[in-house]
Amino acid sequence: YTVQQWANMTGTHVDGLRFVVYGDV
């Protein structure tokens, strides 16, 4: 919200976030 733009998250300790999508093929 400070810079008001999308970016890839890079750098130290930027990992381990859990996102999940459930459904049926």
mmCIF file of all heavy atoms, coordinates in Angstrom:
data_MODEL
# 
_entry.id   MODEL 
# 
loop_
_atom_site.group_PDB 
_atom_site.id 
_atom_site.type_symbol 
_atom_site.label_atom_id 
_atom_site.label_alt_id 
_atom_site.label_comp_id 
_atom_site.label_asym_id 
_atom_site.label_entity_id 
_atom_site.label_seq_id 
_atom_site.pdbx_PDB_ins_code 
_atom_site.Cartn_x 
_atom_site.Cartn_y 
_atom_site.Cartn_z 
_atom_site.occupancy 
_atom_site.B_iso_or_equiv 
_atom_site.pdbx_formal_charge 
_atom_site.auth_seq_id 
_atom_site.auth_comp_id 
_atom_site.auth_asym_id 
_atom_site.auth_atom_id 
_atom_site.pdbx_PDB_model_num 
ATOM 1   N N   . TYR A 1 1  ? 0.821   -1.211  0.000   1.00 0.00 ? 1  TYR A N   1 
ATOM 2   C CA  . TYR A 1 1  ? 0.000   0.000   0.000   1.00 0.00 ? 1  TYR A CA  1 
ATOM 3   C C   . TYR A 1 1  ? 0.858   1.265   0.000   1.00 0.00 ? 1  TYR A C   1 
ATOM 4   O O   . TYR A 1 1  ? 0.385   2.342   -0.367  1.00 0.00 ? 1  TYR A O   1 
ATOM 5   C CB  . TYR A 1 1  ? -0.935  0.003   1.208   1.00 0.00 ? 1  TYR A CB  1 
ATOM 6   C CG  . TYR A 1 1  ? -2.141  -0.896  1.027   1.00 0.00 ? 1  TYR A CG  1 
ATOM 7   C CD1 . TYR A 1 1  ? -2.286  -2.063  1.774   1.00 0.00 ? 1  TYR A CD1 1 
ATOM 8   C CD2 . TYR A 1 1  ? -3.133  -0.574  0.098   1.00 0.00 ? 1  TYR A CD2 1 
ATOM 9   C CE1 . TYR A 1 1  ? -3.381  -2.890  1.599   1.00 0.00 ? 1  TYR A CE1 1 
ATOM 10  C CE2 . TYR A 1 1  ? -4.233  -1.399  -0.081  1.00 0.00 ? 1  TYR A CE2 1 
ATOM 11  C CZ  . TYR A 1 1  ? -4.352  -2.556  0.674   1.00 0.00 ? 1  TYR A CZ  1 
ATOM 12  O OH  . TYR A 1 1  ? -5.433  -3.378  0.495   1.00 0.00 ? 1  TYR A OH  1 
ATOM 13  N N   . THR A 1 2  ? 2.122   1.156   0.393   1.00 0.00 ? 2  THR A N   1 
ATOM 14  C CA  . THR A 1 2  ? 2.994   2.333   0.413   1.00 0.00 ? 2  THR A CA  1 
ATOM 15  C C   . THR A 1 2  ? 3.397   2.751   -0.998  1.00 0.00 ? 2  THR A C   1 
ATOM 16  O O   . THR A 1 2  ? 3.326   3.933   -1.357  1.00 0.00 ? 2  THR A O   1 
ATOM 17  C CB  . THR A 1 2  ? 4.264   2.056   1.233   1.00 0.00 ? 2  THR A CB  1 
ATOM 18  O OG1 . THR A 1 2  ? 3.898   1.668   2.556   1.00 0.00 ? 2  THR A OG1 1 
ATOM 19  C CG2 . THR A 1 2  ? 5.150   3.291   1.295   1.00 0.00 ? 2  THR A CG2 1 
ATOM 20  N N   . VAL A 1 3  ? 3.788   1.780   -1.822  1.00 0.00 ? 3  VAL A N   1 
ATOM 21  C CA  . VAL A 1 3  ? 4.251   2.103   -3.188  1.00 0.00 ? 3  VAL A CA  1 
ATOM 22  C C   . VAL A 1 3  ? 3.144   1.960   -4.221  1.00 0.00 ? 3  VAL A C   1 
ATOM 23  O O   . VAL A 1 3  ? 3.317   2.359   -5.369  1.00 0.00 ? 3  VAL A O   1 
ATOM 24  C CB  . VAL A 1 3  ? 5.456   1.227   -3.567  1.00 0.00 ? 3  VAL A CB  1 
ATOM 25  C CG1 . VAL A 1 3  ? 6.621   1.505   -2.644  1.00 0.00 ? 3  VAL A CG1 1 
ATOM 26  C CG2 . VAL A 1 3  ? 5.092   -0.252  -3.524  1.00 0.00 ? 3  VAL A CG2 1 
ATOM 27  N N   . GLN A 1 4  ? 2.014   1.327   -3.838  1.00 0.00 ? 4  GLN A N   1 
ATOM 28  C CA  . GLN A 1 4  ? 0.845   1.216   -4.708  1.00 0.00 ? 4  GLN A CA  1 
ATOM 29  C C   . GLN A 1 4  ? 1.149   0.507   -6.030  1.00 0.00 ? 4  GLN A C   1 
ATOM 30  O O   . GLN A 1 4  ? 0.800   0.987   -7.113  1.00 0.00 ? 4  GLN A O   1 
ATOM 31  C CB  . GLN A 1 4  ? 0.266   2.608   -4.991  1.00 0.00 ? 4  GLN A CB  1 
ATOM 32  C CG  . GLN A 1 4  ? -0.327  3.298   -3.780  1.00 0.00 ? 4  GLN A CG  1 
ATOM 33  C CD  . GLN A 1 4  ? -1.666  2.691   -3.362  1.00 0.00 ? 4  GLN A CD  1 
ATOM 34  O OE1 . GLN A 1 4  ? -2.620  2.663   -4.140  1.00 0.00 ? 4  GLN A OE1 1 
ATOM 35  N NE2 . GLN A 1 4  ? -1.743  2.211   -2.134  1.00 0.00 ? 4  GLN A NE2 1 
ATOM 36  N N   . GLN A 1 5  ? 1.807   -0.657  -5.944  1.00 0.00 ? 5  GLN A N   1 
ATOM 37  C CA  . GLN A 1 5  ? 2.029   -1.453  -7.147  1.00 0.00 ? 5  GLN A CA  1 
ATOM 38  C C   . GLN A 1 5  ? 2.298   -2.907  -6.772  1.00 0.00 ? 5  GLN A C   1 
ATOM 39  O O   . GLN A 1 5  ? 2.703   -3.206  -5.648  1.00 0.00 ? 5  GLN A O   1 
ATOM 40  C CB  . GLN A 1 5  ? 3.195   -0.906  -7.964  1.00 0.00 ? 5  GLN A CB  1 
ATOM 41  C CG  . GLN A 1 5  ? 4.549   -1.014  -7.285  1.00 0.00 ? 5  GLN A CG  1 
ATOM 42  C CD  . GLN A 1 5  ? 5.659   -0.439  -8.137  1.00 0.00 ? 5  GLN A CD  1 
ATOM 43  O OE1 . GLN A 1 5  ? 5.431   0.362   -9.038  1.00 0.00 ? 5  GLN A OE1 1 
ATOM 44  N NE2 . GLN A 1 5  ? 6.891   -0.852  -7.869  1.00 0.00 ? 5  GLN A NE2 1 
ATOM 45  N N   . TRP A 1 6  ? 2.034   -3.801  -7.750  1.00 0.00 ? 6  TRP A N   1 
ATOM 46  C CA  . TRP A 1 6  ? 2.334   -5.216  -7.565  1.00 0.00 ? 6  TRP A CA  1 
ATOM 47  C C   . TRP A 1 6  ? 3.814   -5.461  -7.802  1.00 0.00 ? 6  TRP A C   1 
ATOM 48  O O   . TRP A 1 6  ? 4.436   -4.815  -8.656  1.00 0.00 ? 6  TRP A O   1 
ATOM 49  C CB  . TRP A 1 6  ? 1.522   -6.063  -8.545  1.00 0.00 ? 6  TRP A CB  1 
ATOM 50  C CG  . TRP A 1 6  ? 0.075   -6.162  -8.224  1.00 0.00 ? 6  TRP A CG  1 
ATOM 51  C CD1 . TRP A 1 6  ? -0.959  -5.519  -8.860  1.00 0.00 ? 6  TRP A CD1 1 
ATOM 52  C CD2 . TRP A 1 6  ? -0.516  -6.973  -7.206  1.00 0.00 ? 6  TRP A CD2 1 
ATOM 53  N NE1 . TRP A 1 6  ? -2.156  -5.871  -8.287  1.00 0.00 ? 6  TRP A NE1 1 
ATOM 54  C CE2 . TRP A 1 6  ? -1.917  -6.768  -7.271  1.00 0.00 ? 6  TRP A CE2 1 
ATOM 55  C CE3 . TRP A 1 6  ? -0.013  -7.841  -6.239  1.00 0.00 ? 6  TRP A CE3 1 
ATOM 56  C CZ2 . TRP A 1 6  ? -2.802  -7.397  -6.413  1.00 0.00 ? 6  TRP A CZ2 1 
ATOM 57  C CZ3 . TRP A 1 6  ? -0.897  -8.472  -5.374  1.00 0.00 ? 6  TRP A CZ3 1 
ATOM 58  C CH2 . TRP A 1 6  ? -2.276  -8.249  -5.471  1.00 0.00 ? 6  TRP A CH2 1 
ATOM 59  N N   . ALA A 1 7  ? 4.381   -6.427  -7.068  1.00 0.00 ? 7  ALA A N   1 
ATOM 60  C CA  . ALA A 1 7  ? 5.780   -6.799  -7.252  1.00 0.00 ? 7  ALA A CA  1 
ATOM 61  C C   . ALA A 1 7  ? 5.978   -8.252  -6.847  1.00 0.00 ? 7  ALA A C   1 
ATOM 62  O O   . ALA A 1 7  ? 5.202   -8.809  -6.055  1.00 0.00 ? 7  ALA A O   1 
ATOM 63  C CB  . ALA A 1 7  ? 6.691   -5.891  -6.426  1.00 0.00 ? 7  ALA A CB  1 
ATOM 64  N N   . ASN A 1 8  ? 7.022   -8.868  -7.410  1.00 0.00 ? 8  ASN A N   1 
ATOM 65  C CA  . ASN A 1 8  ? 7.429   -10.181 -6.927  1.00 0.00 ? 8  ASN A CA  1 
ATOM 66  C C   . ASN A 1 8  ? 8.110   -10.013 -5.579  1.00 0.00 ? 8  ASN A C   1 
ATOM 67  O O   . ASN A 1 8  ? 8.878   -9.067  -5.374  1.00 0.00 ? 8  ASN A O   1 
ATOM 68  C CB  . ASN A 1 8  ? 8.414   -10.834 -7.909  1.00 0.00 ? 8  ASN A CB  1 
ATOM 69  C CG  . ASN A 1 8  ? 7.747   -11.243 -9.198  1.00 0.00 ? 8  ASN A CG  1 
ATOM 70  O OD1 . ASN A 1 8  ? 6.696   -11.873 -9.188  1.00 0.00 ? 8  ASN A OD1 1 
ATOM 71  N ND2 . ASN A 1 8  ? 8.358   -10.898 -10.324 1.00 0.00 ? 8  ASN A ND2 1 
ATOM 72  N N   . MET A 1 9  ? 7.833   -10.936 -4.675  1.00 0.00 ? 9  MET A N   1 
ATOM 73  C CA  . MET A 1 9  ? 8.442   -10.886 -3.355  1.00 0.00 ? 9  MET A CA  1 
ATOM 74  C C   . MET A 1 9  ? 9.778   -11.610 -3.411  1.00 0.00 ? 9  MET A C   1 
ATOM 75  O O   . MET A 1 9  ? 9.842   -12.810 -3.622  1.00 0.00 ? 9  MET A O   1 
ATOM 76  C CB  . MET A 1 9  ? 7.525   -11.521 -2.314  1.00 0.00 ? 9  MET A CB  1 
ATOM 77  C CG  . MET A 1 9  ? 6.212   -10.787 -2.141  1.00 0.00 ? 9  MET A CG  1 
ATOM 78  S SD  . MET A 1 9  ? 5.098   -11.639 -1.005  1.00 0.00 ? 9  MET A SD  1 
ATOM 79  C CE  . MET A 1 9  ? 6.045   -11.570 0.513   1.00 0.00 ? 9  MET A CE  1 
ATOM 80  N N   . THR A 1 10 ? 10.853  -10.862 -3.222  1.00 0.00 ? 10 THR A N   1 
ATOM 81  C CA  . THR A 1 10 ? 12.191  -11.436 -3.238  1.00 0.00 ? 10 THR A CA  1 
ATOM 82  C C   . THR A 1 10 ? 12.955  -10.950 -2.019  1.00 0.00 ? 10 THR A C   1 
ATOM 83  O O   . THR A 1 10 ? 12.583  -9.960  -1.383  1.00 0.00 ? 10 THR A O   1 
ATOM 84  C CB  . THR A 1 10 ? 12.957  -11.032 -4.507  1.00 0.00 ? 10 THR A CB  1 
ATOM 85  O OG1 . THR A 1 10 ? 13.021  -9.596  -4.574  1.00 0.00 ? 10 THR A OG1 1 
ATOM 86  C CG2 . THR A 1 10 ? 12.273  -11.560 -5.756  1.00 0.00 ? 10 THR A CG2 1 
ATOM 87  N N   . GLY A 1 11 ? 14.014  -11.655 -1.690  1.00 0.00 ? 11 GLY A N   1 
ATOM 88  C CA  . GLY A 1 11 ? 14.826  -11.259 -0.550  1.00 0.00 ? 11 GLY A CA  1 
ATOM 89  C C   . GLY A 1 11 ? 14.837  -12.328 0.521   1.00 0.00 ? 11 GLY A C   1 
ATOM 90  O O   . GLY A 1 11 ? 14.257  -13.406 0.382   1.00 0.00 ? 11 GLY A O   1 
ATOM 91  N N   . THR A 1 12 ? 15.487  -12.008 1.616   1.00 0.00 ? 12 THR A N   1 
ATOM 92  C CA  . THR A 1 12 ? 15.665  -12.953 2.714   1.00 0.00 ? 12 THR A CA  1 
ATOM 93  C C   . THR A 1 12 ? 14.359  -13.215 3.441   1.00 0.00 ? 12 THR A C   1 
ATOM 94  O O   . THR A 1 12 ? 13.594  -12.287 3.728   1.00 0.00 ? 12 THR A O   1 
ATOM 95  C CB  . THR A 1 12 ? 16.705  -12.403 3.714   1.00 0.00 ? 12 THR A CB  1 
ATOM 96  O OG1 . THR A 1 12 ? 17.897  -12.076 2.997   1.00 0.00 ? 12 THR A OG1 1 
ATOM 97  C CG2 . THR A 1 12 ? 17.019  -13.432 4.794   1.00 0.00 ? 12 THR A CG2 1 
ATOM 98  N N   . HIS A 1 13 ? 14.089  -14.477 3.734   1.00 0.00 ? 13 HIS A N   1 
ATOM 99  C CA  . HIS A 1 13 ? 12.946  -14.905 4.550   1.00 0.00 ? 13 HIS A CA  1 
ATOM 100 C C   . HIS A 1 13 ? 11.588  -14.638 3.895   1.00 0.00 ? 13 HIS A C   1 
ATOM 101 O O   . HIS A 1 13 ? 10.574  -14.603 4.583   1.00 0.00 ? 13 HIS A O   1 
ATOM 102 C CB  . HIS A 1 13 ? 12.978  -14.238 5.932   1.00 0.00 ? 13 HIS A CB  1 
ATOM 103 C CG  . HIS A 1 13 ? 14.242  -14.487 6.685   1.00 0.00 ? 13 HIS A CG  1 
ATOM 104 N ND1 . HIS A 1 13 ? 14.750  -15.747 6.884   1.00 0.00 ? 13 HIS A ND1 1 
ATOM 105 C CD2 . HIS A 1 13 ? 15.117  -13.623 7.279   1.00 0.00 ? 13 HIS A CD2 1 
ATOM 106 C CE1 . HIS A 1 13 ? 15.871  -15.664 7.584   1.00 0.00 ? 13 HIS A CE1 1 
ATOM 107 N NE2 . HIS A 1 13 ? 16.123  -14.386 7.826   1.00 0.00 ? 13 HIS A NE2 1 
ATOM 108 N N   . VAL A 1 14 ? 11.544  -14.404 2.574   1.00 0.00 ? 14 VAL A N   1 
ATOM 109 C CA  . VAL A 1 14 ? 10.260  -14.233 1.900   1.00 0.00 ? 14 VAL A CA  1 
ATOM 110 C C   . VAL A 1 14 ? 9.873   -15.582 1.300   1.00 0.00 ? 14 VAL A C   1 
ATOM 111 O O   . VAL A 1 14 ? 10.014  -15.818 0.094   1.00 0.00 ? 14 VAL A O   1 
ATOM 112 C CB  . VAL A 1 14 ? 10.333  -13.132 0.828   1.00 0.00 ? 14 VAL A CB  1 
ATOM 113 C CG1 . VAL A 1 14 ? 8.948   -12.930 0.201   1.00 0.00 ? 14 VAL A CG1 1 
ATOM 114 C CG2 . VAL A 1 14 ? 10.819  -11.837 1.436   1.00 0.00 ? 14 VAL A CG2 1 
ATOM 115 N N   . ASP A 1 15 ? 9.448   -16.471 2.154   1.00 0.00 ? 15 ASP A N   1 
ATOM 116 C CA  . ASP A 1 15 ? 9.029   -17.787 1.704   1.00 0.00 ? 15 ASP A CA  1 
ATOM 117 C C   . ASP A 1 15 ? 8.117   -18.388 2.769   1.00 0.00 ? 15 ASP A C   1 
ATOM 118 O O   . ASP A 1 15 ? 7.844   -17.774 3.803   1.00 0.00 ? 15 ASP A O   1 
ATOM 119 C CB  . ASP A 1 15 ? 10.238  -18.702 1.442   1.00 0.00 ? 15 ASP A CB  1 
ATOM 120 C CG  . ASP A 1 15 ? 11.180  -18.798 2.647   1.00 0.00 ? 15 ASP A CG  1 
ATOM 121 O OD1 . ASP A 1 15 ? 10.771  -18.400 3.756   1.00 0.00 ? 15 ASP A OD1 1 
ATOM 122 O OD2 . ASP A 1 15 ? 12.310  -19.269 2.484   1.00 0.00 ? 15 ASP A OD2 1 
ATOM 123 N N   . GLY A 1 16 ? 7.616   -19.576 2.483   1.00 0.00 ? 16 GLY A N   1 
ATOM 124 C CA  . GLY A 1 16 ? 6.820   -20.285 3.473   1.00 0.00 ? 16 GLY A CA  1 
ATOM 125 C C   . GLY A 1 16 ? 5.390   -19.822 3.634   1.00 0.00 ? 16 GLY A C   1 
ATOM 126 O O   . GLY A 1 16 ? 4.734   -20.183 4.609   1.00 0.00 ? 16 GLY A O   1 
ATOM 127 N N   . LEU A 1 17 ? 4.870   -19.042 2.688   1.00 0.00 ? 17 LEU A N   1 
ATOM 128 C CA  . LEU A 1 17 ? 3.460   -18.646 2.748   1.00 0.00 ? 17 LEU A CA  1 
ATOM 129 C C   . LEU A 1 17 ? 2.620   -19.762 2.127   1.00 0.00 ? 17 LEU A C   1 
ATOM 130 O O   . LEU A 1 17 ? 2.969   -20.303 1.086   1.00 0.00 ? 17 LEU A O   1 
ATOM 131 C CB  . LEU A 1 17 ? 3.230   -17.336 1.996   1.00 0.00 ? 17 LEU A CB  1 
ATOM 132 C CG  . LEU A 1 17 ? 4.051   -16.131 2.460   1.00 0.00 ? 17 LEU A CG  1 
ATOM 133 C CD1 . LEU A 1 17 ? 3.742   -14.922 1.587   1.00 0.00 ? 17 LEU A CD1 1 
ATOM 134 C CD2 . LEU A 1 17 ? 3.782   -15.820 3.929   1.00 0.00 ? 17 LEU A CD2 1 
ATOM 135 N N   . ARG A 1 18 ? 1.498   -20.081 2.760   1.00 0.00 ? 18 ARG A N   1 
ATOM 136 C CA  . ARG A 1 18 ? 0.683   -21.201 2.268   1.00 0.00 ? 18 ARG A CA  1 
ATOM 137 C C   . ARG A 1 18 ? -0.602  -20.684 1.640   1.00 0.00 ? 18 ARG A C   1 
ATOM 138 O O   . ARG A 1 18 ? -1.439  -20.063 2.313   1.00 0.00 ? 18 ARG A O   1 
ATOM 139 C CB  . ARG A 1 18 ? 0.376   -22.170 3.405   1.00 0.00 ? 18 ARG A CB  1 
ATOM 140 C CG  . ARG A 1 18 ? -0.510  -23.349 2.994   1.00 0.00 ? 18 ARG A CG  1 
ATOM 141 C CD  . ARG A 1 18 ? -0.525  -24.429 4.061   1.00 0.00 ? 18 ARG A CD  1 
ATOM 142 N NE  . ARG A 1 18 ? -1.616  -25.367 3.922   1.00 0.00 ? 18 ARG A NE  1 
ATOM 143 C CZ  . ARG A 1 18 ? -1.624  -26.408 3.088   1.00 0.00 ? 18 ARG A CZ  1 
ATOM 144 N NH1 . ARG A 1 18 ? -0.573  -26.624 2.308   1.00 0.00 ? 18 ARG A NH1 1 
ATOM 145 N NH2 . ARG A 1 18 ? -2.657  -27.232 3.043   1.00 0.00 ? 18 ARG A NH2 1 
ATOM 146 N N   . PHE A 1 19 ? -0.766  -20.961 0.331   1.00 0.00 ? 19 PHE A N   1 
ATOM 147 C CA  . PHE A 1 19 ? -1.983  -20.690 -0.431  1.00 0.00 ? 19 PHE A CA  1 
ATOM 148 C C   . PHE A 1 19 ? -2.476  -22.020 -0.986  1.00 0.00 ? 19 PHE A C   1 
ATOM 149 O O   . PHE A 1 19 ? -1.676  -22.801 -1.510  1.00 0.00 ? 19 PHE A O   1 
ATOM 150 C CB  . PHE A 1 19 ? -1.703  -19.746 -1.592  1.00 0.00 ? 19 PHE A CB  1 
ATOM 151 C CG  . PHE A 1 19 ? -1.261  -18.357 -1.211  1.00 0.00 ? 19 PHE A CG  1 
ATOM 152 C CD1 . PHE A 1 19 ? 0.051   -18.119 -0.832  1.00 0.00 ? 19 PHE A CD1 1 
ATOM 153 C CD2 . PHE A 1 19 ? -2.146  -17.296 -1.257  1.00 0.00 ? 19 PHE A CD2 1 
ATOM 154 C CE1 . PHE A 1 19 ? 0.478   -16.840 -0.497  1.00 0.00 ? 19 PHE A CE1 1 
ATOM 155 C CE2 . PHE A 1 19 ? -1.744  -16.010 -0.924  1.00 0.00 ? 19 PHE A CE2 1 
ATOM 156 C CZ  . PHE A 1 19 ? -0.424  -15.782 -0.546  1.00 0.00 ? 19 PHE A CZ  1 
ATOM 157 N N   . VAL A 1 20 ? -3.789  -22.250 -0.927  1.00 0.00 ? 20 VAL A N   1 
ATOM 158 C CA  . VAL A 1 20 ? -4.339  -23.517 -1.398  1.00 0.00 ? 20 VAL A CA  1 
ATOM 159 C C   . VAL A 1 20 ? -5.611  -23.263 -2.213  1.00 0.00 ? 20 VAL A C   1 
ATOM 160 O O   . VAL A 1 20 ? -6.427  -22.407 -1.846  1.00 0.00 ? 20 VAL A O   1 
ATOM 161 C CB  . VAL A 1 20 ? -4.683  -24.472 -0.230  1.00 0.00 ? 20 VAL A CB  1 
ATOM 162 C CG1 . VAL A 1 20 ? -5.046  -25.858 -0.760  1.00 0.00 ? 20 VAL A CG1 1 
ATOM 163 C CG2 . VAL A 1 20 ? -3.527  -24.577 0.754   1.00 0.00 ? 20 VAL A CG2 1 
ATOM 164 N N   . VAL A 1 21 ? -5.761  -24.004 -3.314  1.00 0.00 ? 21 VAL A N   1 
ATOM 165 C CA  . VAL A 1 21 ? -6.989  -23.985 -4.114  1.00 0.00 ? 21 VAL A CA  1 
ATOM 166 C C   . VAL A 1 21 ? -7.546  -25.406 -4.122  1.00 0.00 ? 21 VAL A C   1 
ATOM 167 O O   . VAL A 1 21 ? -6.830  -26.355 -4.454  1.00 0.00 ? 21 VAL A O   1 
ATOM 168 C CB  . VAL A 1 21 ? -6.719  -23.513 -5.553  1.00 0.00 ? 21 VAL A CB  1 
ATOM 169 C CG1 . VAL A 1 21 ? -8.013  -23.531 -6.375  1.00 0.00 ? 21 VAL A CG1 1 
ATOM 170 C CG2 . VAL A 1 21 ? -6.107  -22.114 -5.559  1.00 0.00 ? 21 VAL A CG2 1 
ATOM 171 N N   . TYR A 1 22 ? -8.809  -25.555 -3.746  1.00 0.00 ? 22 TYR A N   1 
ATOM 172 C CA  . TYR A 1 22 ? -9.478  -26.857 -3.723  1.00 0.00 ? 22 TYR A CA  1 
ATOM 173 C C   . TYR A 1 22 ? -10.535 -26.915 -4.818  1.00 0.00 ? 22 TYR A C   1 
ATOM 174 O O   . TYR A 1 22 ? -11.171 -25.898 -5.129  1.00 0.00 ? 22 TYR A O   1 
ATOM 175 C CB  . TYR A 1 22 ? -10.183 -27.088 -2.384  1.00 0.00 ? 22 TYR A CB  1 
ATOM 176 C CG  . TYR A 1 22 ? -9.289  -27.055 -1.175  1.00 0.00 ? 22 TYR A CG  1 
ATOM 177 C CD1 . TYR A 1 22 ? -9.072  -25.867 -0.479  1.00 0.00 ? 22 TYR A CD1 1 
ATOM 178 C CD2 . TYR A 1 22 ? -8.673  -28.216 -0.706  1.00 0.00 ? 22 TYR A CD2 1 
ATOM 179 C CE1 . TYR A 1 22 ? -8.260  -25.834 0.645   1.00 0.00 ? 22 TYR A CE1 1 
ATOM 180 C CE2 . TYR A 1 22 ? -7.862  -28.192 0.417   1.00 0.00 ? 22 TYR A CE2 1 
ATOM 181 C CZ  . TYR A 1 22 ? -7.667  -26.997 1.092   1.00 0.00 ? 22 TYR A CZ  1 
ATOM 182 O OH  . TYR A 1 22 ? -6.864  -26.966 2.204   1.00 0.00 ? 22 TYR A OH  1 
ATOM 183 N N   . GLY A 1 23 ? -10.739 -28.104 -5.379  1.00 0.00 ? 23 GLY A N   1 
ATOM 184 C CA  . GLY A 1 23 ? -11.792 -28.231 -6.380  1.00 0.00 ? 23 GLY A CA  1 
ATOM 185 C C   . GLY A 1 23 ? -11.800 -29.573 -7.063  1.00 0.00 ? 23 GLY A C   1 
ATOM 186 O O   . GLY A 1 23 ? -11.159 -30.529 -6.617  1.00 0.00 ? 23 GLY A O   1 
ATOM 187 N N   . ASP A 1 24 ? -12.520 -29.635 -8.179  1.00 0.00 ? 24 ASP A N   1 
ATOM 188 C CA  . ASP A 1 24 ? -12.670 -30.853 -8.964  1.00 0.00 ? 24 ASP A CA  1 
ATOM 189 C C   . ASP A 1 24 ? -12.189 -30.601 -10.383 1.00 0.00 ? 24 ASP A C   1 
ATOM 190 O O   . ASP A 1 24 ? -12.574 -29.602 -11.008 1.00 0.00 ? 24 ASP A O   1 
ATOM 191 C CB  . ASP A 1 24 ? -14.140 -31.293 -9.028  1.00 0.00 ? 24 ASP A CB  1 
ATOM 192 C CG  . ASP A 1 24 ? -14.718 -31.574 -7.659  1.00 0.00 ? 24 ASP A CG  1 
ATOM 193 O OD1 . ASP A 1 24 ? -13.999 -32.163 -6.838  1.00 0.00 ? 24 ASP A OD1 1 
ATOM 194 O OD2 . ASP A 1 24 ? -15.883 -31.206 -7.419  1.00 0.00 ? 24 ASP A OD2 1 
ATOM 195 N N   . VAL A 1 25 ? -11.362 -31.493 -10.891 1.00 0.00 ? 25 VAL A N   1 
ATOM 196 C CA  . VAL A 1 25 ? -10.994 -31.441 -12.299 1.00 0.00 ? 25 VAL A CA  1 
ATOM 197 C C   . VAL A 1 25 ? -12.207 -31.843 -13.133 1.00 0.00 ? 25 VAL A C   1 
ATOM 198 O O   . VAL A 1 25 ? -12.898 -32.810 -12.816 1.00 0.00 ? 25 VAL A O   1 
ATOM 199 C CB  . VAL A 1 25 ? -9.812  -32.382 -12.582 1.00 0.00 ? 25 VAL A CB  1 
ATOM 200 C CG1 . VAL A 1 25 ? -9.515  -32.455 -14.077 1.00 0.00 ? 25 VAL A CG1 1 
ATOM 201 C CG2 . VAL A 1 25 ? -8.573  -31.915 -11.821 1.00 0.00 ? 25 VAL A CG2 1 
# 
